[in-house]
C-alpha atoms as a PDB file:
ATOM      1  CA  UNK A   1      16.867  15.874 -44.438  1.00  0.00           C
ATOM      2  CA  UNK A   2      18.516  15.687 -41.022  1.00  0.00           C
ATOM      3  CA  UNK A   3      16.652  13.957 -38.256  1.00  0.00           C
ATOM      4  CA  UNK A   4      17.714  15.387 -34.887  1.00  0.00           C
ATOM      5  CA  UNK A   5      15.595  12.935 -32.882  1.00  0.00           C
ATOM      6  CA  UNK A   6      17.237   9.932 -34.551  1.00  0.00           C
ATOM      7  CA  UNK A   7      20.700  11.457 -34.074  1.00  0.00           C
ATOM      8  CA  UNK A   8      19.983  12.135 -30.404  1.00  0.00           C
ATOM      9  CA  UNK A   9      18.773   8.563 -29.848  1.00  0.00           C
ATOM     10  CA  UNK A  10      21.877   7.169 -31.580  1.00  0.00           C
ATOM     11  CA  UNK A  11      24.151   9.307 -29.401  1.00  0.00           C
ATOM     12  CA  UNK A  12      22.380   8.144 -26.246  1.00  0.00           C
ATOM     13  CA  UNK A  13      22.726   4.538 -27.353  1.00  0.00           C
ATOM     14  CA  UNK A  14      26.378   5.102 -28.257  1.00  0.00           C
ATOM     15  CA  UNK A  15      27.096   6.575 -24.846  1.00  0.00           C
ATOM     16  CA  UNK A  16      25.441   3.610 -23.109  1.00  0.00           C
ATOM     17  CA  UNK A  17      27.478   1.190 -25.229  1.00  0.00           C
ATOM     18  CA  UNK A  18      30.669   3.104 -24.503  1.00  0.00           C
ATOM     19  CA  UNK A  19      29.989   2.992 -20.772  1.00  0.00           C
ATOM     20  CA  UNK A  20      29.454  -0.761 -21.105  1.00  0.00           C
ATOM     21  CA  UNK A  21      32.904  -1.098 -22.695  1.00  0.00           C
ATOM     22  CA  UNK A  22      31.648  -1.722 -26.219  1.00  0.00           C
ATOM     23  CA  UNK A  23      33.618   1.040 -27.920  1.00  0.00           C
ATOM     24  CA  UNK A  24      33.480  -0.280 -31.490  1.00  0.00           C
ATOM     25  CA  UNK A  25      29.701  -0.664 -31.433  1.00  0.00           C
ATOM     26  CA  UNK A  26      29.360   2.686 -29.668  1.00  0.00           C
ATOM     27  CA  UNK A  27      31.438   4.377 -32.340  1.00  0.00           C
ATOM     28  CA  UNK A  28      29.265   2.822 -35.037  1.00  0.00           C
ATOM     29  CA  UNK A  29      26.176   4.428 -33.468  1.00  0.00           C
ATOM     30  CA  UNK A  30      27.918   7.788 -33.083  1.00  0.00           C
ATOM     31  CA  UNK A  31      29.081   7.854 -36.697  1.00  0.00           C
ATOM     32  CA  UNK A  32      25.535   7.023 -37.759  1.00  0.00           C
ATOM     33  CA  UNK A  33      24.314   9.945 -35.628  1.00  0.00           C
ATOM     34  CA  UNK A  34      26.758  12.282 -37.394  1.00  0.00           C
ATOM     35  CA  UNK A  35      25.573  10.996 -40.759  1.00  0.00           C
ATOM     36  CA  UNK A  36      21.944  11.414 -39.707  1.00  0.00           C
ATOM     37  CA  UNK A  37      22.371  15.022 -38.546  1.00  0.00           C
ATOM     38  CA  UNK A  38      25.736  16.636 -39.370  1.00  0.00           C
ATOM     39  CA  UNK A  39      24.810  19.651 -37.226  1.00  0.00           C
ATOM     40  CA  UNK A  40      24.174  17.711 -33.989  1.00  0.00           C
ATOM     41  CA  UNK A  41      27.363  18.673 -32.153  1.00  0.00           C
ATOM     42  CA  UNK A  42      27.046  16.264 -29.180  1.00  0.00           C
ATOM     43  CA  UNK A  43      27.544  13.389 -31.633  1.00  0.00           C
ATOM     44  CA  UNK A  44      30.984  14.717 -32.548  1.00  0.00           C
ATOM     45  CA  UNK A  45      31.982  15.203 -28.926  1.00  0.00           C
ATOM     46  CA  UNK A  46      31.033  11.649 -28.027  1.00  0.00           C
ATOM     47  CA  UNK A  47      32.730  10.126 -31.091  1.00  0.00           C
ATOM     48  CA  UNK A  48      35.894  12.202 -30.723  1.00  0.00           C
ATOM     49  CA  UNK A  49      36.406  10.901 -27.212  1.00  0.00           C
ATOM     50  CA  UNK A  50      36.438   7.331 -28.484  1.00  0.00           C
ATOM     51  CA  UNK A  51      38.685   8.124 -31.456  1.00  0.00           C
ATOM     52  CA  UNK A  52      41.186   9.933 -29.250  1.00  0.00           C
ATOM     53  CA  UNK A  53      41.288   7.097 -26.714  1.00  0.00           C
ATOM     54  CA  UNK A  54      42.157   4.763 -29.601  1.00  0.00           C
ATOM     55  CA  UNK A  55      44.647   7.332 -30.974  1.00  0.00           C
ATOM     56  CA  UNK A  56      42.729   7.423 -34.261  1.00  0.00           C
ATOM     57  CA  UNK A  57      43.452  10.989 -35.317  1.00  0.00           C
ATOM     58  CA  UNK A  58      42.399  10.855 -38.963  1.00  0.00           C
ATOM     59  CA  UNK A  59      38.659  10.417 -38.298  1.00  0.00           C
ATOM     60  CA  UNK A  60      38.906  13.265 -35.772  1.00  0.00           C
ATOM     61  CA  UNK A  61      40.520  15.495 -38.387  1.00  0.00           C
ATOM     62  CA  UNK A  62      38.151  14.495 -41.166  1.00  0.00           C
ATOM     63  CA  UNK A  63      35.002  15.071 -39.117  1.00  0.00           C
ATOM     64  CA  UNK A  64      36.048  18.173 -37.205  1.00  0.00           C
ATOM     65  CA  UNK A  65      37.480  19.887 -40.285  1.00  0.00           C
ATOM     66  CA  UNK A  66      34.056  19.575 -41.853  1.00  0.00           C
ATOM     67  CA  UNK A  67      31.990  20.593 -38.834  1.00  0.00           C
ATOM     68  CA  UNK A  68      34.109  23.639 -37.967  1.00  0.00           C
ATOM     69  CA  UNK A  69      33.448  24.974 -41.456  1.00  0.00           C
ATOM     70  CA  UNK A  70      29.713  24.560 -40.829  1.00  0.00           C
ATOM     71  CA  UNK A  71      29.961  25.930 -37.265  1.00  0.00           C
ATOM     72  CA  UNK A  72      32.870  28.392 -37.086  1.00  0.00           C
ATOM     73  CA  UNK A  73      32.115  29.242 -33.434  1.00  0.00           C
ATOM     74  CA  UNK A  74      32.393  25.610 -32.301  1.00  0.00           C
ATOM     75  CA  UNK A  75      35.237  25.928 -29.802  1.00  0.00           C
ATOM     76  CA  UNK A  76      35.442  22.235 -28.952  1.00  0.00           C
ATOM     77  CA  UNK A  77      35.866  21.480 -32.641  1.00  0.00           C
ATOM     78  CA  UNK A  78      38.681  23.981 -33.182  1.00  0.00           C
ATOM     79  CA  UNK A  79      40.607  23.003 -30.071  1.00  0.00           C
ATOM     80  CA  UNK A  80      40.343  19.268 -30.682  1.00  0.00           C
ATOM     81  CA  UNK A  81      41.161  19.670 -34.365  1.00  0.00           C
ATOM     82  CA  UNK A  82      44.282  21.608 -33.380  1.00  0.00           C
ATOM     83  CA  UNK A  83      45.252  18.842 -30.947  1.00  0.00           C
ATOM     84  CA  UNK A  84      44.782  16.148 -33.613  1.00  0.00           C
ATOM     85  CA  UNK A  85      46.821  18.090 -36.158  1.00  0.00           C
ATOM     86  CA  UNK A  86      49.577  18.587 -33.585  1.00  0.00           C
ATOM     87  CA  UNK A  87      49.635  14.891 -32.712  1.00  0.00           C
ATOM     88  CA  UNK A  88      49.956  13.964 -36.406  1.00  0.00           C
ATOM     89  CA  UNK A  89      52.830  16.393 -36.986  1.00  0.00           C
ATOM     90  CA  UNK A  90      50.846  18.926 -39.022  1.00  0.00           C
ATOM     91  CA  UNK A  91      51.964  21.829 -36.911  1.00  0.00           C
ATOM     92  CA  UNK A  92      51.109  24.576 -39.389  1.00  0.00           C
ATOM     93  CA  UNK A  93      47.462  23.459 -39.424  1.00  0.00           C
ATOM     94  CA  UNK A  94      47.462  23.002 -35.656  1.00  0.00           C
ATOM     95  CA  UNK A  95      48.572  26.603 -35.158  1.00  0.00           C
ATOM     96  CA  UNK A  96      45.820  27.857 -37.462  1.00  0.00           C
ATOM     97  CA  UNK A  97      43.198  25.926 -35.490  1.00  0.00           C
ATOM     98  CA  UNK A  98      44.565  27.051 -32.124  1.00  0.00           C
ATOM     99  CA  UNK A  99      44.328  30.639 -33.388  1.00  0.00           C
ATOM    100  CA  UNK A 100      40.711  30.120 -34.383  1.00  0.00           C
ATOM    101  CA  UNK A 101      40.009  28.756 -30.925  1.00  0.00           C
ATOM    102  CA  UNK A 102      41.770  31.706 -29.299  1.00  0.00           C
ATOM    103  CA  UNK A 103      39.526  34.091 -31.228  1.00  0.00           C
ATOM    104  CA  UNK A 104      36.629  32.486 -29.360  1.00  0.00           C
ATOM    105  CA  UNK A 105      38.294  32.087 -25.949  1.00  0.00           C
ATOM    106  CA  UNK A 106      41.346  34.357 -25.686  1.00  0.00           C
ATOM    107  CA  UNK A 107      41.764  33.936 -21.920  1.00  0.00           C
ATOM    108  CA  UNK A 108      42.298  30.175 -21.904  1.00  0.00           C
ATOM    109  CA  UNK A 109      45.846  28.931 -21.394  1.00  0.00           C
ATOM    110  CA  UNK A 110      45.667  25.479 -23.027  1.00  0.00           C
ATOM    111  CA  UNK A 111      45.767  26.646 -26.658  1.00  0.00           C
ATOM    112  CA  UNK A 112      48.864  28.742 -25.933  1.00  0.00           C
ATOM    113  CA  UNK A 113      50.534  25.630 -24.542  1.00  0.00           C
ATOM    114  CA  UNK A 114      49.447  23.652 -27.606  1.00  0.00           C
ATOM    115  CA  UNK A 115      50.916  26.265 -29.947  1.00  0.00           C
ATOM    116  CA  UNK A 116      54.169  26.237 -27.995  1.00  0.00           C
ATOM    117  CA  UNK A 117      54.402  22.472 -28.403  1.00  0.00           C
END
């Protein structure tokens, strides 16, 4: 059973560690938060930032592909998943994710730029 309070505490600790420059330890806490409560979306947002800074696209793809299936209206997940697919050369999957994002936010310009890339 998911424990939201534990996940929230792990995310807060991870954010403090990240701010202190301890990215690897921070990421450990954030991954634990995701494992603790796979529906606690702030954990993904915090972890994705660290993965992207390190240009680690596979954990982004693996985690966001799973969470967007559980939360199909999670715009951050779709947009960032599209970006990660684009950066890894999987353009067909990137386009599909950008389209999902555009269903949620059709007036935003960034996904159109991403699809054009």
